[in-house]
Amino acid sequence: LNDNVEAMRLELRAQAFESAAQLDFDFHRMILRAAGNQTILDVLTSRSDIYLESQKLPFIRPERAMETWQEHRRILRALSRHVPAAAQKAMQAHIRAAASRTGISFAGTAS
């Protein structure tokens, strides 16, 4: 995960959004694999073409692209510290923020 997050930082700084989207997709798959969530991993893998395309959407505003990397870094930091509640909160914030960057908002807020 550390290598993935660093590679994403470099790709985003270079505005290589296709590569960054692949790294984003890989980041989420690695977390699902580590969590043992085979069902969701299978769904993502079986429709990787659609999911990978959706990973590009948060980069439609290049000036906000580094936000994805910052969110991944927060998730990684919480996982590295073995604080599940913080990791969950960081992941939920990441999902909401990524959706917001594409113009999608969720009704209500998760706690």
N, C-alpha and C. Protein backbone atom coordinates (compact mmCIF):
# COMPACT_ATOMS: atom_id res chain seq x y z
N LEU A 1 0.82 -1.21 0.00
CA LEU A 1 0.00 0.00 0.00
C LEU A 1 0.86 1.26 0.00
N ASN A 2 1.96 1.23 0.76
CA ASN A 2 2.84 2.41 0.79
C ASN A 2 3.36 2.75 -0.60
N ASP A 3 3.81 1.73 -1.33
CA ASP A 3 4.33 1.96 -2.68
C ASP A 3 3.24 2.50 -3.60
N ASN A 4 2.03 1.98 -3.45
CA ASN A 4 0.91 2.43 -4.27
C ASN A 4 0.62 3.90 -4.02
N VAL A 5 0.57 4.29 -2.75
CA VAL A 5 0.24 5.68 -2.40
C VAL A 5 1.33 6.63 -2.92
N GLU A 6 2.58 6.22 -2.79
CA GLU A 6 3.67 7.06 -3.30
C GLU A 6 3.62 7.15 -4.82
N ALA A 7 3.37 6.03 -5.49
CA ALA A 7 3.28 6.04 -6.95
C ALA A 7 2.13 6.93 -7.41
N MET A 8 1.01 6.90 -6.68
CA MET A 8 -0.12 7.75 -7.04
C MET A 8 0.26 9.22 -6.91
N ARG A 9 0.97 9.56 -5.86
CA ARG A 9 1.40 10.95 -5.68
C ARG A 9 2.20 11.42 -6.90
N LEU A 10 3.14 10.59 -7.32
CA LEU A 10 3.99 10.95 -8.46
C LEU A 10 3.19 11.07 -9.75
N GLU A 11 2.27 10.15 -9.98
CA GLU A 11 1.45 10.19 -11.20
C GLU A 11 0.53 11.41 -11.21
N LEU A 12 -0.05 11.72 -10.06
CA LEU A 12 -0.93 12.89 -9.99
C LEU A 12 -0.16 14.18 -10.21
N ARG A 13 1.03 14.27 -9.63
CA ARG A 13 1.84 15.47 -9.84
C ARG A 13 2.20 15.64 -11.31
N ALA A 14 2.37 14.52 -12.01
CA ALA A 14 2.67 14.56 -13.44
C ALA A 14 1.41 14.68 -14.29
N GLN A 15 0.25 14.75 -13.64
CA GLN A 15 -1.05 14.79 -14.29
C GLN A 15 -1.25 13.59 -15.22
N ALA A 16 -0.73 12.45 -14.79
CA ALA A 16 -0.92 11.19 -15.51
C ALA A 16 -2.14 10.50 -14.91
N PHE A 17 -3.31 11.00 -15.28
CA PHE A 17 -4.55 10.59 -14.61
C PHE A 17 -4.97 9.16 -14.94
N GLU A 18 -4.63 8.66 -16.11
CA GLU A 18 -4.94 7.26 -16.44
C GLU A 18 -4.20 6.33 -15.48
N SER A 19 -2.91 6.58 -15.31
CA SER A 19 -2.10 5.77 -14.40
C SER A 19 -2.57 5.93 -12.96
N ALA A 20 -2.91 7.16 -12.59
CA ALA A 20 -3.40 7.41 -11.24
C ALA A 20 -4.70 6.67 -10.98
N ALA A 21 -5.58 6.62 -11.98
CA ALA A 21 -6.85 5.89 -11.83
C ALA A 21 -6.59 4.40 -11.62
N GLN A 22 -5.63 3.85 -12.34
CA GLN A 22 -5.28 2.43 -12.16
C GLN A 22 -4.74 2.20 -10.75
N LEU A 23 -3.90 3.11 -10.27
CA LEU A 23 -3.37 2.99 -8.91
C LEU A 23 -4.49 3.11 -7.88
N ASP A 24 -5.44 3.99 -8.13
CA ASP A 24 -6.60 4.14 -7.25
C ASP A 24 -7.37 2.83 -7.19
N PHE A 25 -7.64 2.26 -8.34
CA PHE A 25 -8.33 0.97 -8.42
C PHE A 25 -7.56 -0.10 -7.67
N ASP A 26 -6.25 -0.16 -7.87
CA ASP A 26 -5.41 -1.15 -7.19
C ASP A 26 -5.41 -0.95 -5.68
N PHE A 27 -5.40 0.31 -5.23
CA PHE A 27 -5.43 0.62 -3.80
C PHE A 27 -6.66 0.00 -3.15
N HIS A 28 -7.80 0.22 -3.77
CA HIS A 28 -9.05 -0.30 -3.21
C HIS A 28 -9.08 -1.83 -3.25
N ARG A 29 -8.56 -2.41 -4.30
CA ARG A 29 -8.50 -3.88 -4.37
C ARG A 29 -7.57 -4.45 -3.30
N MET A 30 -6.44 -3.80 -3.06
CA MET A 30 -5.52 -4.28 -2.03
C MET A 30 -6.17 -4.23 -0.65
N ILE A 31 -6.92 -3.19 -0.39
CA ILE A 31 -7.60 -3.08 0.91
C ILE A 31 -8.66 -4.16 1.03
N LEU A 32 -9.44 -4.37 -0.01
CA LEU A 32 -10.45 -5.42 0.03
C LEU A 32 -9.82 -6.79 0.24
N ARG A 33 -8.71 -7.04 -0.43
CA ARG A 33 -8.01 -8.32 -0.28
C ARG A 33 -7.50 -8.47 1.15
N ALA A 34 -6.89 -7.43 1.70
CA ALA A 34 -6.36 -7.48 3.07
C ALA A 34 -7.48 -7.66 4.09
N ALA A 35 -8.65 -7.09 3.80
CA ALA A 35 -9.79 -7.20 4.71
C ALA A 35 -10.50 -8.54 4.56
N GLY A 36 -10.13 -9.30 3.55
CA GLY A 36 -10.78 -10.59 3.34
C GLY A 36 -12.18 -10.46 2.77
N ASN A 37 -12.46 -9.34 2.11
CA ASN A 37 -13.79 -9.09 1.56
C ASN A 37 -13.84 -9.60 0.12
N GLN A 38 -13.84 -10.92 -0.01
CA GLN A 38 -13.76 -11.57 -1.32
C GLN A 38 -14.97 -11.27 -2.20
N THR A 39 -16.14 -11.14 -1.59
CA THR A 39 -17.36 -10.89 -2.37
C THR A 39 -17.26 -9.57 -3.13
N ILE A 40 -16.94 -8.50 -2.43
CA ILE A 40 -16.83 -7.19 -3.08
C ILE A 40 -15.64 -7.19 -4.05
N LEU A 41 -14.56 -7.85 -3.67
CA LEU A 41 -13.40 -7.95 -4.56
C LEU A 41 -13.79 -8.64 -5.86
N ASP A 42 -14.57 -9.71 -5.76
CA ASP A 42 -15.02 -10.42 -6.97
C ASP A 42 -15.90 -9.53 -7.84
N VAL A 43 -16.78 -8.75 -7.21
CA VAL A 43 -17.65 -7.84 -7.97
C VAL A 43 -16.80 -6.81 -8.72
N LEU A 44 -15.86 -6.20 -8.02
CA LEU A 44 -15.01 -5.19 -8.66
C LEU A 44 -14.17 -5.79 -9.78
N THR A 45 -13.64 -6.97 -9.52
CA THR A 45 -12.79 -7.61 -10.52
C THR A 45 -13.58 -8.02 -11.75
N SER A 46 -14.79 -8.53 -11.53
CA SER A 46 -15.60 -8.98 -12.67
C SER A 46 -16.03 -7.81 -13.55
N ARG A 47 -16.14 -6.64 -12.98
CA ARG A 47 -16.54 -5.45 -13.74
C ARG A 47 -15.46 -4.38 -13.67
N SER A 48 -14.22 -4.82 -13.73
CA SER A 48 -13.10 -3.89 -13.57
C SER A 48 -13.11 -2.78 -14.61
N ASP A 49 -13.61 -3.06 -15.81
CA ASP A 49 -13.65 -2.04 -16.85
C ASP A 49 -14.52 -0.85 -16.42
N ILE A 50 -15.67 -1.15 -15.86
CA ILE A 50 -16.59 -0.09 -15.41
C ILE A 50 -16.02 0.62 -14.18
N TYR A 51 -15.54 -0.17 -13.23
CA TYR A 51 -15.02 0.43 -12.00
C TYR A 51 -13.79 1.29 -12.30
N LEU A 52 -12.90 0.80 -13.14
CA LEU A 52 -11.70 1.56 -13.48
C LEU A 52 -12.07 2.87 -14.17
N GLU A 53 -13.05 2.83 -15.03
CA GLU A 53 -13.51 4.07 -15.68
C GLU A 53 -14.03 5.05 -14.64
N SER A 54 -14.75 4.54 -13.64
CA SER A 54 -15.29 5.41 -12.60
C SER A 54 -14.18 6.02 -11.74
N GLN A 55 -13.03 5.35 -11.67
CA GLN A 55 -11.91 5.86 -10.88
C GLN A 55 -11.31 7.11 -11.53
N LYS A 56 -11.58 7.34 -12.79
CA LYS A 56 -11.07 8.52 -13.48
C LYS A 56 -11.90 9.76 -13.17
N LEU A 57 -13.14 9.57 -12.79
CA LEU A 57 -14.05 10.71 -12.60
C LEU A 57 -13.56 11.73 -11.57
N PRO A 58 -13.01 11.31 -10.42
CA PRO A 58 -12.56 12.33 -9.46
C PRO A 58 -11.44 13.22 -9.99
N PHE A 59 -10.82 12.84 -11.10
CA PHE A 59 -9.73 13.63 -11.65
C PHE A 59 -10.19 14.61 -12.73
N ILE A 60 -11.51 14.76 -12.90
CA ILE A 60 -12.00 15.67 -13.94
C ILE A 60 -11.65 17.12 -13.62
N ARG A 61 -11.35 17.37 -12.36
CA ARG A 61 -10.89 18.71 -11.96
C ARG A 61 -9.45 18.57 -11.50
N PRO A 62 -8.50 18.73 -12.40
CA PRO A 62 -7.09 18.49 -12.07
C PRO A 62 -6.60 19.25 -10.85
N GLU A 63 -7.16 20.43 -10.61
CA GLU A 63 -6.71 21.22 -9.46
C GLU A 63 -7.07 20.55 -8.13
N ARG A 64 -7.96 19.56 -8.18
CA ARG A 64 -8.35 18.85 -6.95
C ARG A 64 -7.83 17.41 -6.92
N ALA A 65 -7.05 17.04 -7.91
CA ALA A 65 -6.61 15.65 -8.04
C ALA A 65 -5.81 15.16 -6.85
N MET A 66 -4.99 16.01 -6.26
CA MET A 66 -4.15 15.57 -5.13
C MET A 66 -4.99 15.23 -3.90
N GLU A 67 -6.23 15.65 -3.87
CA GLU A 67 -7.09 15.31 -2.73
C GLU A 67 -7.24 13.80 -2.60
N THR A 68 -7.32 13.10 -3.71
CA THR A 68 -7.44 11.64 -3.68
C THR A 68 -6.23 11.04 -2.99
N TRP A 69 -5.05 11.50 -3.35
CA TRP A 69 -3.82 11.01 -2.73
C TRP A 69 -3.82 11.30 -1.23
N GLN A 70 -4.22 12.51 -0.85
CA GLN A 70 -4.25 12.86 0.58
C GLN A 70 -5.21 11.94 1.34
N GLU A 71 -6.34 11.65 0.75
CA GLU A 71 -7.31 10.76 1.39
C GLU A 71 -6.75 9.34 1.51
N HIS A 72 -6.09 8.86 0.48
CA HIS A 72 -5.47 7.53 0.55
C HIS A 72 -4.40 7.51 1.64
N ARG A 73 -3.65 8.58 1.74
CA ARG A 73 -2.61 8.67 2.77
C ARG A 73 -3.23 8.59 4.17
N ARG A 74 -4.36 9.26 4.37
CA ARG A 74 -5.04 9.19 5.68
C ARG A 74 -5.52 7.78 5.98
N ILE A 75 -6.06 7.11 4.98
CA ILE A 75 -6.52 5.73 5.16
C ILE A 75 -5.33 4.85 5.51
N LEU A 76 -4.26 4.98 4.77
CA LEU A 76 -3.06 4.18 5.01
C LEU A 76 -2.49 4.44 6.40
N ARG A 77 -2.46 5.69 6.81
CA ARG A 77 -1.95 6.03 8.14
C ARG A 77 -2.79 5.34 9.23
N ALA A 78 -4.10 5.37 9.10
CA ALA A 78 -4.97 4.73 10.09
C ALA A 78 -4.76 3.22 10.09
N LEU A 79 -4.63 2.62 8.92
CA LEU A 79 -4.39 1.18 8.84
C LEU A 79 -3.04 0.82 9.45
N SER A 80 -2.03 1.63 9.17
CA SER A 80 -0.69 1.37 9.70
C SER A 80 -0.65 1.46 11.22
N ARG A 81 -1.50 2.31 11.77
CA ARG A 81 -1.57 2.46 13.23
C ARG A 81 -2.50 1.43 13.87
N HIS A 82 -3.12 0.61 13.04
CA HIS A 82 -4.04 -0.43 13.53
C HIS A 82 -5.20 0.17 14.33
N VAL A 83 -5.79 1.23 13.76
CA VAL A 83 -6.93 1.89 14.38
C VAL A 83 -8.11 1.75 13.42
N PRO A 84 -8.87 0.63 13.55
CA PRO A 84 -9.96 0.37 12.60
C PRO A 84 -10.99 1.48 12.50
N ALA A 85 -11.36 2.09 13.62
CA ALA A 85 -12.38 3.15 13.58
C ALA A 85 -11.89 4.34 12.76
N ALA A 86 -10.62 4.68 12.91
CA ALA A 86 -10.06 5.80 12.15
C ALA A 86 -9.97 5.44 10.66
N ALA A 87 -9.62 4.19 10.37
CA ALA A 87 -9.55 3.75 8.97
C ALA A 87 -10.94 3.79 8.33
N GLN A 88 -11.94 3.34 9.07
CA GLN A 88 -13.31 3.36 8.56
C GLN A 88 -13.75 4.80 8.30
N LYS A 89 -13.48 5.67 9.25
CA LYS A 89 -13.86 7.07 9.10
C LYS A 89 -13.15 7.71 7.90
N ALA A 90 -11.86 7.40 7.74
CA ALA A 90 -11.09 7.95 6.62
C ALA A 90 -11.62 7.42 5.29
N MET A 91 -11.99 6.14 5.25
CA MET A 91 -12.51 5.56 4.01
C MET A 91 -13.87 6.16 3.67
N GLN A 92 -14.72 6.33 4.67
CA GLN A 92 -16.03 6.94 4.41
C GLN A 92 -15.87 8.37 3.91
N ALA A 93 -14.95 9.11 4.52
CA ALA A 93 -14.70 10.49 4.08
C ALA A 93 -14.18 10.50 2.64
N HIS A 94 -13.33 9.54 2.32
CA HIS A 94 -12.77 9.44 0.96
C HIS A 94 -13.88 9.17 -0.06
N ILE A 95 -14.76 8.26 0.26
CA ILE A 95 -15.85 7.92 -0.67
C ILE A 95 -16.75 9.14 -0.89
N ARG A 96 -17.10 9.83 0.20
CA ARG A 96 -17.94 11.03 0.07
C ARG A 96 -17.23 12.11 -0.74
N ALA A 97 -15.95 12.32 -0.46
CA ALA A 97 -15.20 13.37 -1.15
C ALA A 97 -15.02 13.04 -2.64
N ALA A 98 -14.72 11.78 -2.94
CA ALA A 98 -14.56 11.38 -4.35
C ALA A 98 -15.87 11.57 -5.10
N ALA A 99 -16.97 11.21 -4.47
CA ALA A 99 -18.28 11.42 -5.09
C ALA A 99 -18.53 12.91 -5.31
N SER A 100 -18.21 13.70 -4.31
CA SER A 100 -18.40 15.14 -4.41
C SER A 100 -17.59 15.74 -5.56
N ARG A 101 -16.38 15.24 -5.76
CA ARG A 101 -15.55 15.75 -6.85
C ARG A 101 -16.16 15.46 -8.22
N THR A 102 -17.06 14.50 -8.28
CA THR A 102 -17.72 14.18 -9.55
C THR A 102 -19.12 14.76 -9.63
N GLY A 103 -19.51 15.53 -8.60
CA GLY A 103 -20.83 16.15 -8.60
C GLY A 103 -21.92 15.32 -7.96
N ILE A 104 -21.53 14.24 -7.28
CA ILE A 104 -22.50 13.37 -6.60
C ILE A 104 -22.47 13.68 -5.12
N SER A 105 -23.65 13.81 -4.52
CA SER A 105 -23.69 13.98 -3.06
C SER A 105 -24.63 12.94 -2.48
N PHE A 106 -24.26 12.44 -1.32
CA PHE A 106 -25.07 11.45 -0.63
C PHE A 106 -26.01 12.16 0.33
N ALA A 107 -27.24 11.69 0.42
CA ALA A 107 -28.20 12.26 1.36
C ALA A 107 -27.75 11.91 2.78
N GLY A 108 -27.78 12.89 3.66
CA GLY A 108 -27.38 12.64 5.04
C GLY A 108 -25.89 12.42 5.15
N THR A 109 -25.43 12.22 6.36
CA THR A 109 -24.01 11.95 6.58
C THR A 109 -23.86 10.73 7.45
N ALA A 110 -22.87 9.94 7.16
CA ALA A 110 -22.58 8.76 7.98
C ALA A 110 -21.70 9.17 9.14
N SER A 111 -21.91 8.51 10.25
CA SER A 111 -21.08 8.85 11.41
C SER A 111 -19.99 7.85 11.60
